[in-house]
Amino acid sequence: MSIDTIHTCQCPECQAEGTGVLAQLHQQMNVFLSRLDEQQRRWYAAIEAQRLGHGGMKRLSQITGLDVNTIRRGRDELSENLNGRPLDRVRVPGGGRKSLEKKSPN
């Protein structure tokens, strides 16, 4: 996510009002999220969703544009105290798309 792709909150309050204190808070959250990597975004969203309680994941999904399953994954990772998450990289080794071409040994 880059500064050019800051999500616009889709919650009912921001859609109706758009300029109040809540809208400013949601805008700040989305600016902050735009500066984080993918795992940090899901962890932050999971913490905020937990703070909101019942319906928090759906609400944070509206605010941030993150999928509910992504927020749930963040919640699960945090509940396991981030065990198995690497300290020096965003993805676990072997994560990501596989190469389309085999590398030659030359």
PDB file of N, CA and C in Angstrom:
ATOM      1  N   MET A   1       0.851  -1.171   0.000  1.00  0.00           N
ATOM      2  CA  MET A   1       0.000   0.000   0.000  1.00  0.00           C
ATOM      3  C   MET A   1       0.898   1.236   0.000  1.00  0.00           C
ATOM      4  N   SER A   2       0.640   2.166  -0.858  1.00  0.00           N
ATOM      5  CA  SER A   2       1.440   3.382  -0.895  1.00  0.00           C
ATOM      6  C   SER A   2       0.577   4.572  -0.522  1.00  0.00           C
ATOM      7  N   ILE A   3       1.215   5.717  -0.392  1.00  0.00           N
ATOM      8  CA  ILE A   3       0.503   6.942  -0.030  1.00  0.00           C
ATOM      9  C   ILE A   3      -0.559   7.278  -1.079  1.00  0.00           C
ATOM     10  N   ASP A   4      -0.367   6.808  -2.317  1.00  0.00           N
ATOM     11  CA  ASP A   4      -1.341   7.046  -3.381  1.00  0.00           C
ATOM     12  C   ASP A   4      -2.587   6.194  -3.213  1.00  0.00           C
ATOM     13  N   THR A   5      -2.509   5.144  -2.390  1.00  0.00           N
ATOM     14  CA  THR A   5      -3.624   4.220  -2.254  1.00  0.00           C
ATOM     15  C   THR A   5      -4.173   4.204  -0.838  1.00  0.00           C
ATOM     16  N   ILE A   6      -4.342   5.338  -0.238  1.00  0.00           N
ATOM     17  CA  ILE A   6      -4.931   5.400   1.101  1.00  0.00           C
ATOM     18  C   ILE A   6      -6.417   5.103   0.976  1.00  0.00           C
ATOM     19  N   HIS A   7      -6.857   4.124   1.724  1.00  0.00           N
ATOM     20  CA  HIS A   7      -8.254   3.684   1.664  1.00  0.00           C
ATOM     21  C   HIS A   7      -9.186   4.767   2.203  1.00  0.00           C
ATOM     22  N   THR A   8     -10.338   4.891   1.591  1.00  0.00           N
ATOM     23  CA  THR A   8     -11.376   5.795   2.073  1.00  0.00           C
ATOM     24  C   THR A   8     -12.370   4.965   2.862  1.00  0.00           C
ATOM     25  N   CYS A   9     -12.618   5.364   4.091  1.00  0.00           N
ATOM     26  CA  CYS A   9     -13.505   4.628   4.983  1.00  0.00           C
ATOM     27  C   CYS A   9     -14.890   4.478   4.371  1.00  0.00           C
ATOM     28  N   GLN A  10     -15.432   3.261   4.497  1.00  0.00           N
ATOM     29  CA  GLN A  10     -16.761   2.954   3.979  1.00  0.00           C
ATOM     30  C   GLN A  10     -17.779   2.711   5.087  1.00  0.00           C
ATOM     31  N   CYS A  11     -17.447   3.101   6.332  1.00  0.00           N
ATOM     32  CA  CYS A  11     -18.401   2.888   7.420  1.00  0.00           C
ATOM     33  C   CYS A  11     -19.597   3.826   7.233  1.00  0.00           C
ATOM     34  N   PRO A  12     -20.752   3.461   7.768  1.00  0.00           N
ATOM     35  CA  PRO A  12     -21.956   4.275   7.584  1.00  0.00           C
ATOM     36  C   PRO A  12     -21.807   5.720   8.068  1.00  0.00           C
ATOM     37  N   GLU A  13     -21.115   5.925   9.177  1.00  0.00           N
ATOM     38  CA  GLU A  13     -20.953   7.281   9.706  1.00  0.00           C
ATOM     39  C   GLU A  13     -20.129   8.160   8.773  1.00  0.00           C
ATOM     40  N   CYS A  14     -19.037   7.621   8.265  1.00  0.00           N
ATOM     41  CA  CYS A  14     -18.182   8.402   7.358  1.00  0.00           C
ATOM     42  C   CYS A  14     -18.887   8.647   6.026  1.00  0.00           C
ATOM     43  N   GLN A  15     -19.675   7.690   5.585  1.00  0.00           N
ATOM     44  CA  GLN A  15     -20.390   7.861   4.320  1.00  0.00           C
ATOM     45  C   GLN A  15     -21.489   8.919   4.454  1.00  0.00           C
ATOM     46  N   ALA A  16     -22.125   8.990   5.627  1.00  0.00           N
ATOM     47  CA  ALA A  16     -23.201   9.961   5.835  1.00  0.00           C
ATOM     48  C   ALA A  16     -22.656  11.342   6.163  1.00  0.00           C
ATOM     49  N   GLU A  17     -21.691  11.382   7.069  1.00  0.00           N
ATOM     50  CA  GLU A  17     -21.171  12.649   7.594  1.00  0.00           C
ATOM     51  C   GLU A  17     -19.930  13.089   6.831  1.00  0.00           C
ATOM     52  N   GLY A  18     -18.888  12.279   6.899  1.00  0.00           N
ATOM     53  CA  GLY A  18     -17.684  12.501   6.125  1.00  0.00           C
ATOM     54  C   GLY A  18     -16.693  13.528   6.625  1.00  0.00           C
ATOM     55  N   THR A  19     -17.045  14.361   7.612  1.00  0.00           N
ATOM     56  CA  THR A  19     -16.110  15.396   8.035  1.00  0.00           C
ATOM     57  C   THR A  19     -15.945  15.505   9.552  1.00  0.00           C
ATOM     58  N   GLY A  20     -16.620  14.687  10.312  1.00  0.00           N
ATOM     59  CA  GLY A  20     -16.579  14.796  11.770  1.00  0.00           C
ATOM     60  C   GLY A  20     -15.322  14.219  12.377  1.00  0.00           C
ATOM     61  N   VAL A  21     -15.320  14.160  13.693  1.00  0.00           N
ATOM     62  CA  VAL A  21     -14.177  13.648  14.456  1.00  0.00           C
ATOM     63  C   VAL A  21     -13.923  12.183  14.110  1.00  0.00           C
ATOM     64  N   LEU A  22     -14.987  11.405  14.003  1.00  0.00           N
ATOM     65  CA  LEU A  22     -14.839   9.988  13.673  1.00  0.00           C
ATOM     66  C   LEU A  22     -14.233   9.814  12.281  1.00  0.00           C
ATOM     67  N   ALA A  23     -14.674  10.596  11.334  1.00  0.00           N
ATOM     68  CA  ALA A  23     -14.125  10.526   9.972  1.00  0.00           C
ATOM     69  C   ALA A  23     -12.641  10.892   9.970  1.00  0.00           C
ATOM     70  N   GLN A  24     -12.255  11.875  10.764  1.00  0.00           N
ATOM     71  CA  GLN A  24     -10.842  12.259  10.863  1.00  0.00           C
ATOM     72  C   GLN A  24     -10.023  11.125  11.470  1.00  0.00           C
ATOM     73  N   LEU A  25     -10.580  10.475  12.498  1.00  0.00           N
ATOM     74  CA  LEU A  25      -9.882   9.350  13.123  1.00  0.00           C
ATOM     75  C   LEU A  25      -9.693   8.216  12.115  1.00  0.00           C
ATOM     76  N   HIS A  26     -10.735   7.906  11.370  1.00  0.00           N
ATOM     77  CA  HIS A  26     -10.636   6.834  10.377  1.00  0.00           C
ATOM     78  C   HIS A  26      -9.640   7.195   9.275  1.00  0.00           C
ATOM     79  N   GLN A  27      -9.605   8.441   8.873  1.00  0.00           N
ATOM     80  CA  GLN A  27      -8.631   8.886   7.872  1.00  0.00           C
ATOM     81  C   GLN A  27      -7.210   8.723   8.415  1.00  0.00           C
ATOM     82  N   GLN A  28      -7.000   9.104   9.671  1.00  0.00           N
ATOM     83  CA  GLN A  28      -5.670   8.961  10.284  1.00  0.00           C
ATOM     84  C   GLN A  28      -5.269   7.491  10.378  1.00  0.00           C
ATOM     85  N   MET A  29      -6.232   6.634  10.721  1.00  0.00           N
ATOM     86  CA  MET A  29      -5.944   5.199  10.783  1.00  0.00           C
ATOM     87  C   MET A  29      -5.493   4.691   9.419  1.00  0.00           C
ATOM     88  N   ASN A  30      -6.172   5.122   8.370  1.00  0.00           N
ATOM     89  CA  ASN A  30      -5.831   4.656   7.031  1.00  0.00           C
ATOM     90  C   ASN A  30      -4.501   5.230   6.539  1.00  0.00           C
ATOM     91  N   VAL A  31      -4.176   6.440   6.915  1.00  0.00           N
ATOM     92  CA  VAL A  31      -2.852   6.997   6.587  1.00  0.00           C
ATOM     93  C   VAL A  31      -1.777   6.179   7.298  1.00  0.00           C
ATOM     94  N   PHE A  32      -1.992   5.900   8.573  1.00  0.00           N
ATOM     95  CA  PHE A  32      -1.052   5.093   9.351  1.00  0.00           C
ATOM     96  C   PHE A  32      -0.885   3.710   8.715  1.00  0.00           C
ATOM     97  N   LEU A  33      -1.989   3.060   8.368  1.00  0.00           N
ATOM     98  CA  LEU A  33      -1.930   1.735   7.756  1.00  0.00           C
ATOM     99  C   LEU A  33      -1.175   1.749   6.433  1.00  0.00           C
ATOM    100  N   SER A  34      -1.251   2.863   5.712  1.00  0.00           N
ATOM    101  CA  SER A  34      -0.572   2.938   4.415  1.00  0.00           C
ATOM    102  C   SER A  34       0.942   2.894   4.562  1.00  0.00           C
ATOM    103  N   ARG A  35       1.443   3.151   5.748  1.00  0.00           N
ATOM    104  CA  ARG A  35       2.891   3.151   5.997  1.00  0.00           C
ATOM    105  C   ARG A  35       3.395   1.840   6.591  1.00  0.00           C
ATOM    106  N   LEU A  36       2.491   0.910   6.883  1.00  0.00           N
ATOM    107  CA  LEU A  36       2.883  -0.363   7.488  1.00  0.00           C
ATOM    108  C   LEU A  36       3.001  -1.450   6.427  1.00  0.00           C
ATOM    109  N   ASP A  37       3.734  -2.517   6.762  1.00  0.00           N
ATOM    110  CA  ASP A  37       3.777  -3.649   5.847  1.00  0.00           C
ATOM    111  C   ASP A  37       2.532  -4.510   6.081  1.00  0.00           C
ATOM    112  N   GLU A  38       2.366  -5.536   5.279  1.00  0.00           N
ATOM    113  CA  GLU A  38       1.117  -6.301   5.296  1.00  0.00           C
ATOM    114  C   GLU A  38       0.840  -6.986   6.630  1.00  0.00           C
ATOM    115  N   GLN A  39       1.849  -7.542   7.292  1.00  0.00           N
ATOM    116  CA  GLN A  39       1.591  -8.205   8.566  1.00  0.00           C
ATOM    117  C   GLN A  39       1.289  -7.183   9.657  1.00  0.00           C
ATOM    118  N   GLN A  40       1.963  -6.053   9.651  1.00  0.00           N
ATOM    119  CA  GLN A  40       1.692  -5.013  10.638  1.00  0.00           C
ATOM    120  C   GLN A  40       0.281  -4.457  10.476  1.00  0.00           C
ATOM    121  N   ARG A  41      -0.189  -4.328   9.227  1.00  0.00           N
ATOM    122  CA  ARG A  41      -1.564  -3.853   8.986  1.00  0.00           C
ATOM    123  C   ARG A  41      -2.574  -4.808   9.593  1.00  0.00           C
ATOM    124  N   ARG A  42      -2.399  -6.106   9.364  1.00  0.00           N
ATOM    125  CA  ARG A  42      -3.398  -7.040   9.888  1.00  0.00           C
ATOM    126  C   ARG A  42      -3.342  -7.126  11.408  1.00  0.00           C
ATOM    127  N   TRP A  43      -2.153  -6.969  12.003  1.00  0.00           N
ATOM    128  CA  TRP A  43      -2.057  -7.001  13.461  1.00  0.00           C
ATOM    129  C   TRP A  43      -2.722  -5.772  14.079  1.00  0.00           C
ATOM    130  N   TYR A  44      -2.472  -4.609  13.496  1.00  0.00           N
ATOM    131  CA  TYR A  44      -3.085  -3.387  14.013  1.00  0.00           C
ATOM    132  C   TYR A  44      -4.602  -3.455  13.877  1.00  0.00           C
ATOM    133  N   ALA A  45      -5.080  -3.891  12.721  1.00  0.00           N
ATOM    134  CA  ALA A  45      -6.520  -4.001  12.511  1.00  0.00           C
ATOM    135  C   ALA A  45      -7.131  -5.008  13.481  1.00  0.00           C
ATOM    136  N   ALA A  46      -6.429  -6.097  13.758  1.00  0.00           N
ATOM    137  CA  ALA A  46      -6.926  -7.104  14.698  1.00  0.00           C
ATOM    138  C   ALA A  46      -7.034  -6.530  16.102  1.00  0.00           C
ATOM    139  N   ILE A  47      -6.053  -5.739  16.514  1.00  0.00           N
ATOM    140  CA  ILE A  47      -6.102  -5.121  17.847  1.00  0.00           C
ATOM    141  C   ILE A  47      -7.272  -4.156  17.949  1.00  0.00           C
ATOM    142  N   GLU A  48      -7.449  -3.325  16.927  1.00  0.00           N
ATOM    143  CA  GLU A  48      -8.567  -2.372  16.932  1.00  0.00           C
ATOM    144  C   GLU A  48      -9.907  -3.097  16.896  1.00  0.00           C
ATOM    145  N   ALA A  49     -10.009  -4.169  16.115  1.00  0.00           N
ATOM    146  CA  ALA A  49     -11.253  -4.939  16.041  1.00  0.00           C
ATOM    147  C   ALA A  49     -11.579  -5.558  17.391  1.00  0.00           C
ATOM    148  N   GLN A  50     -10.557  -6.061  18.066  1.00  0.00           N
ATOM    149  CA  GLN A  50     -10.765  -6.650  19.386  1.00  0.00           C
ATOM    150  C   GLN A  50     -11.217  -5.584  20.377  1.00  0.00           C
ATOM    151  N   ARG A  51     -10.666  -4.392  20.263  1.00  0.00           N
ATOM    152  CA  ARG A  51     -11.045  -3.296  21.150  1.00  0.00           C
ATOM    153  C   ARG A  51     -12.520  -2.944  20.973  1.00  0.00           C
ATOM    154  N   LEU A  52     -13.012  -3.029  19.729  1.00  0.00           N
ATOM    155  CA  LEU A  52     -14.415  -2.713  19.450  1.00  0.00           C
ATOM    156  C   LEU A  52     -15.372  -3.805  19.918  1.00  0.00           C
ATOM    157  N   GLY A  53     -14.868  -5.032  20.046  1.00  0.00           N
ATOM    158  CA  GLY A  53     -15.720  -6.124  20.512  1.00  0.00           C
ATOM    159  C   GLY A  53     -16.548  -6.736  19.398  1.00  0.00           C
ATOM    160  N   HIS A  54     -17.767  -7.171  19.741  1.00  0.00           N
ATOM    161  CA  HIS A  54     -18.637  -7.853  18.785  1.00  0.00           C
ATOM    162  C   HIS A  54     -18.870  -6.981  17.549  1.00  0.00           C
ATOM    163  N   GLY A  55     -18.624  -7.563  16.378  1.00  0.00           N
ATOM    164  CA  GLY A  55     -18.778  -6.831  15.122  1.00  0.00           C
ATOM    165  C   GLY A  55     -17.562  -6.007  14.741  1.00  0.00           C
ATOM    166  N   GLY A  56     -16.513  -6.085  15.557  1.00  0.00           N
ATOM    167  CA  GLY A  56     -15.319  -5.278  15.333  1.00  0.00           C
ATOM    168  C   GLY A  56     -14.590  -5.607  14.045  1.00  0.00           C
ATOM    169  N   MET A  57     -14.539  -6.888  13.685  1.00  0.00           N
ATOM    170  CA  MET A  57     -13.820  -7.253  12.457  1.00  0.00           C
ATOM    171  C   MET A  57     -14.532  -6.701  11.223  1.00  0.00           C
ATOM    172  N   LYS A  58     -15.856  -6.793  11.211  1.00  0.00           N
ATOM    173  CA  LYS A  58     -16.605  -6.250  10.079  1.00  0.00           C
ATOM    174  C   LYS A  58     -16.430  -4.739  10.007  1.00  0.00           C
ATOM    175  N   ARG A  59     -16.465  -4.092  11.162  1.00  0.00           N
ATOM    176  CA  ARG A  59     -16.326  -2.637  11.223  1.00  0.00           C
ATOM    177  C   ARG A  59     -14.943  -2.200  10.736  1.00  0.00           C
ATOM    178  N   LEU A  60     -13.889  -2.892  11.198  1.00  0.00           N
ATOM    179  CA  LEU A  60     -12.534  -2.549  10.762  1.00  0.00           C
ATOM    180  C   LEU A  60     -12.333  -2.843   9.295  1.00  0.00           C
ATOM    181  N   SER A  61     -13.017  -3.835   8.791  1.00  0.00           N
ATOM    182  CA  SER A  61     -12.962  -4.115   7.361  1.00  0.00           C
ATOM    183  C   SER A  61     -13.535  -2.937   6.571  1.00  0.00           C
ATOM    184  N   GLN A  62     -14.632  -2.371   7.040  1.00  0.00           N
ATOM    185  CA  GLN A  62     -15.224  -1.201   6.388  1.00  0.00           C
ATOM    186  C   GLN A  62     -14.286   0.006   6.473  1.00  0.00           C
ATOM    187  N   ILE A  63     -13.684   0.188   7.623  1.00  0.00           N
ATOM    188  CA  ILE A  63     -12.819   1.351   7.846  1.00  0.00           C
ATOM    189  C   ILE A  63     -11.537   1.246   7.023  1.00  0.00           C
ATOM    190  N   THR A  64     -10.910   0.059   7.033  1.00  0.00           N
ATOM    191  CA  THR A  64      -9.568  -0.089   6.470  1.00  0.00           C
ATOM    192  C   THR A  64      -9.528  -0.669   5.069  1.00  0.00           C
ATOM    193  N   GLY A  65     -10.583  -1.352   4.666  1.00  0.00           N
ATOM    194  CA  GLY A  65     -10.569  -2.023   3.372  1.00  0.00           C
ATOM    195  C   GLY A  65      -9.913  -3.389   3.424  1.00  0.00           C
ATOM    196  N   LEU A  66      -9.442  -3.800   4.599  1.00  0.00           N
ATOM    197  CA  LEU A  66      -8.866  -5.137   4.741  1.00  0.00           C
ATOM    198  C   LEU A  66      -9.987  -6.163   4.806  1.00  0.00           C
ATOM    199  N   ASP A  67      -9.744  -7.334   4.260  1.00  0.00           N
ATOM    200  CA  ASP A  67     -10.730  -8.396   4.299  1.00  0.00           C
ATOM    201  C   ASP A  67     -10.898  -8.904   5.733  1.00  0.00           C
ATOM    202  N   VAL A  68     -12.104  -9.323   6.075  1.00  0.00           N
ATOM    203  CA  VAL A  68     -12.380  -9.856   7.414  1.00  0.00           C
ATOM    204  C   VAL A  68     -11.462 -11.037   7.715  1.00  0.00           C
ATOM    205  N   ASN A  69     -11.202 -11.880   6.715  1.00  0.00           N
ATOM    206  CA  ASN A  69     -10.320 -13.032   6.935  1.00  0.00           C
ATOM    207  C   ASN A  69      -8.885 -12.602   7.223  1.00  0.00           C
ATOM    208  N   THR A  70      -8.443 -11.494   6.664  1.00  0.00           N
ATOM    209  CA  THR A  70      -7.111 -10.966   6.940  1.00  0.00           C
ATOM    210  C   THR A  70      -7.037 -10.493   8.385  1.00  0.00           C
ATOM    211  N   ILE A  71      -8.075  -9.810   8.842  1.00  0.00           N
ATOM    212  CA  ILE A  71      -8.120  -9.343  10.234  1.00  0.00           C
ATOM    213  C   ILE A  71      -8.180 -10.535  11.180  1.00  0.00           C
ATOM    214  N   ARG A  72      -8.963 -11.547  10.813  1.00  0.00           N
ATOM    215  CA  ARG A  72      -9.051 -12.768  11.625  1.00  0.00           C
ATOM    216  C   ARG A  72      -7.684 -13.442  11.715  1.00  0.00           C
ATOM    217  N   ARG A  73      -6.955 -13.471  10.600  1.00  0.00           N
ATOM    218  CA  ARG A  73      -5.615 -14.067  10.603  1.00  0.00           C
ATOM    219  C   ARG A  73      -4.700 -13.300  11.559  1.00  0.00           C
ATOM    220  N   GLY A  74      -4.777 -11.979  11.530  1.00  0.00           N
ATOM    221  CA  GLY A  74      -3.997 -11.167  12.454  1.00  0.00           C
ATOM    222  C   GLY A  74      -4.343 -11.465  13.899  1.00  0.00           C
ATOM    223  N   ARG A  75      -5.641 -11.612  14.174  1.00  0.00           N
ATOM    224  CA  ARG A  75      -6.089 -11.944  15.535  1.00  0.00           C
ATOM    225  C   ARG A  75      -5.514 -13.284  15.968  1.00  0.00           C
ATOM    226  N   ASP A  76      -5.558 -14.270  15.061  1.00  0.00           N
ATOM    227  CA  ASP A  76      -5.040 -15.604  15.387  1.00  0.00           C
ATOM    228  C   ASP A  76      -3.531 -15.566  15.627  1.00  0.00           C
ATOM    229  N   GLU A  77      -2.810 -14.818  14.802  1.00  0.00           N
ATOM    230  CA  GLU A  77      -1.354 -14.707  14.987  1.00  0.00           C
ATOM    231  C   GLU A  77      -1.027 -14.038  16.318  1.00  0.00           C
ATOM    232  N   LEU A  78      -1.767 -13.006  16.670  1.00  0.00           N
ATOM    233  CA  LEU A  78      -1.525 -12.322  17.940  1.00  0.00           C
ATOM    234  C   LEU A  78      -1.878 -13.207  19.130  1.00  0.00           C
ATOM    235  N   SER A  79      -2.921 -14.011  19.003  1.00  0.00           N
ATOM    236  CA  SER A  79      -3.308 -14.892  20.113  1.00  0.00           C
ATOM    237  C   SER A  79      -2.243 -15.954  20.367  1.00  0.00           C
ATOM    238  N   GLU A  80      -1.435 -16.237  19.331  1.00  0.00           N
ATOM    239  CA  GLU A  80      -0.327 -17.187  19.473  1.00  0.00           C
ATOM    240  C   GLU A  80       0.986 -16.458  19.792  1.00  0.00           C
ATOM    241  N   ASN A  81       0.881 -15.175  20.188  1.00  0.00           N
ATOM    242  CA  ASN A  81       2.048 -14.352  20.520  1.00  0.00           C
ATOM    243  C   ASN A  81       3.055 -14.278  19.381  1.00  0.00           C
ATOM    244  N   LEU A  82       2.557 -14.314  18.156  1.00  0.00           N
ATOM    245  CA  LEU A  82       3.356 -14.209  16.934  1.00  0.00           C
ATOM    246  C   LEU A  82       4.376 -15.330  16.797  1.00  0.00           C
ATOM    247  N   ASN A  83       4.132 -16.449  17.474  1.00  0.00           N
ATOM    248  CA  ASN A  83       5.022 -17.608  17.333  1.00  0.00           C
ATOM    249  C   ASN A  83       5.041 -18.055  15.882  1.00  0.00           C
ATOM    250  N   GLY A  84       6.221 -18.318  15.379  1.00  0.00           N
ATOM    251  CA  GLY A  84       6.386 -18.754  14.002  1.00  0.00           C
ATOM    252  C   GLY A  84       6.513 -17.609  13.010  1.00  0.00           C
ATOM    253  N   ARG A  85       6.322 -16.377  13.454  1.00  0.00           N
ATOM    254  CA  ARG A  85       6.477 -15.217  12.579  1.00  0.00           C
ATOM    255  C   ARG A  85       7.935 -14.784  12.613  1.00  0.00           C
ATOM    256  N   PRO A  86       8.574 -14.636  11.458  1.00  0.00           N
ATOM    257  CA  PRO A  86       9.991 -14.240  11.427  1.00  0.00           C
ATOM    258  C   PRO A  86      10.176 -12.799  11.903  1.00  0.00           C
ATOM    259  N   LEU A  87      11.301 -12.536  12.537  1.00  0.00           N
ATOM    260  CA  LEU A  87      11.605 -11.192  13.030  1.00  0.00           C
ATOM    261  C   LEU A  87      12.216 -10.301  11.962  1.00  0.00           C
ATOM    262  N   ASP A  88      12.906 -10.922  10.998  1.00  0.00           N
ATOM    263  CA  ASP A  88      13.695 -10.153  10.036  1.00  0.00           C
ATOM    264  C   ASP A  88      13.075 -10.070   8.647  1.00  0.00           C
ATOM    265  N   ARG A  89      11.844 -10.527   8.491  1.00  0.00           N
ATOM    266  CA  ARG A  89      11.202 -10.497   7.188  1.00  0.00           C
ATOM    267  C   ARG A  89       9.687 -10.458   7.355  1.00  0.00           C
ATOM    268  N   VAL A  90       8.986 -10.065   6.288  1.00  0.00           N
ATOM    269  CA  VAL A  90       7.538  -9.953   6.339  1.00  0.00           C
ATOM    270  C   VAL A  90       6.875 -11.315   6.168  1.00  0.00           C
ATOM    271  N   ARG A  91       7.393 -12.122   5.280  1.00  0.00           N
ATOM    272  CA  ARG A  91       6.797 -13.430   5.006  1.00  0.00           C
ATOM    273  C   ARG A  91       7.663 -14.540   5.565  1.00  0.00           C
ATOM    274  N   VAL A  92       7.016 -15.637   5.883  1.00  0.00           N
ATOM    275  CA  VAL A  92       7.776 -16.797   6.342  1.00  0.00           C
ATOM    276  C   VAL A  92       8.557 -17.357   5.160  1.00  0.00           C
ATOM    277  N   PRO A  93       9.683 -18.007   5.407  1.00  0.00           N
ATOM    278  CA  PRO A  93      10.449 -18.581   4.311  1.00  0.00           C
ATOM    279  C   PRO A  93       9.582 -19.517   3.474  1.00  0.00           C
ATOM    280  N   GLY A  94       9.703 -19.393   2.168  1.00  0.00           N
ATOM    281  CA  GLY A  94       8.904 -20.200   1.261  1.00  0.00           C
ATOM    282  C   GLY A  94       7.584 -19.552   0.899  1.00  0.00           C
ATOM    283  N   GLY A  95       7.268 -18.417   1.530  1.00  0.00           N
ATOM    284  CA  GLY A  95       6.019 -17.722   1.226  1.00  0.00           C
ATOM    285  C   GLY A  95       6.116 -16.994  -0.094  1.00  0.00           C
ATOM    286  N   GLY A  96       4.986 -16.634  -0.621  1.00  0.00           N
ATOM    287  CA  GLY A  96       4.960 -15.888  -1.871  1.00  0.00           C
ATOM    288  C   GLY A  96       4.804 -16.795  -3.076  1.00  0.00           C
ATOM    289  N   ARG A  97       4.763 -16.182  -4.208  1.00  0.00           N
ATOM    290  CA  ARG A  97       4.562 -16.901  -5.465  1.00  0.00           C
ATOM    291  C   ARG A  97       5.836 -17.616  -5.882  1.00  0.00           C
ATOM    292  N   LYS A  98       5.684 -18.800  -6.431  1.00  0.00           N
ATOM    293  CA  LYS A  98       6.823 -19.567  -6.929  1.00  0.00           C
ATOM    294  C   LYS A  98       7.269 -19.000  -8.273  1.00  0.00           C
ATOM    295  N   SER A  99       8.551 -19.169  -8.598  1.00  0.00           N
ATOM    296  CA  SER A  99       9.088 -18.706  -9.865  1.00  0.00           C
ATOM    297  C   SER A  99       8.431 -19.412 -11.037  1.00  0.00           C
ATOM    298  N   LEU A 100       8.227 -18.677 -12.103  1.00  0.00           N
ATOM    299  CA  LEU A 100       7.692 -19.279 -13.312  1.00  0.00           C
ATOM    300  C   LEU A 100       8.765 -20.034 -14.065  1.00  0.00           C
ATOM    301  N   GLU A 101      10.002 -19.555 -13.954  1.00  0.00           N
ATOM    302  CA  GLU A 101      11.126 -20.187 -14.633  1.00  0.00           C
ATOM    303  C   GLU A 101      12.055 -20.820 -13.604  1.00  0.00           C
ATOM    304  N   LYS A 102      12.616 -21.946 -14.003  1.00  0.00           N
ATOM    305  CA  LYS A 102      13.637 -22.546 -13.150  1.00  0.00           C
ATOM    306  C   LYS A 102      14.936 -21.827 -13.384  1.00  0.00           C
ATOM    307  N   LYS A 103      15.664 -21.567 -12.331  1.00  0.00           N
ATOM    308  CA  LYS A 103      16.961 -20.929 -12.462  1.00  0.00           C
ATOM    309  C   LYS A 103      17.984 -21.961 -12.881  1.00  0.00           C
ATOM    310  N   SER A 104      18.776 -21.599 -13.871  1.00  0.00           N
ATOM    311  CA  SER A 104      19.809 -22.530 -14.336  1.00  0.00           C
ATOM    312  C   SER A 104      20.998 -22.468 -13.384  1.00  0.00           C
ATOM    313  N   PRO A 105      21.727 -23.559 -13.245  1.00  0.00           N
ATOM    314  CA  PRO A 105      22.862 -23.595 -12.316  1.00  0.00           C
ATOM    315  C   PRO A 105      24.065 -22.813 -12.820  1.00  0.00           C
ATOM    316  N   ASN A 106      24.026 -22.211 -13.985  1.00  0.00           N
ATOM    317  CA  ASN A 106      25.185 -21.484 -14.540  1.00  0.00           C
ATOM    318  C   ASN A 106      25.390 -20.219 -13.802  1.00  0.00           C
TER     319      ASN A 106
END
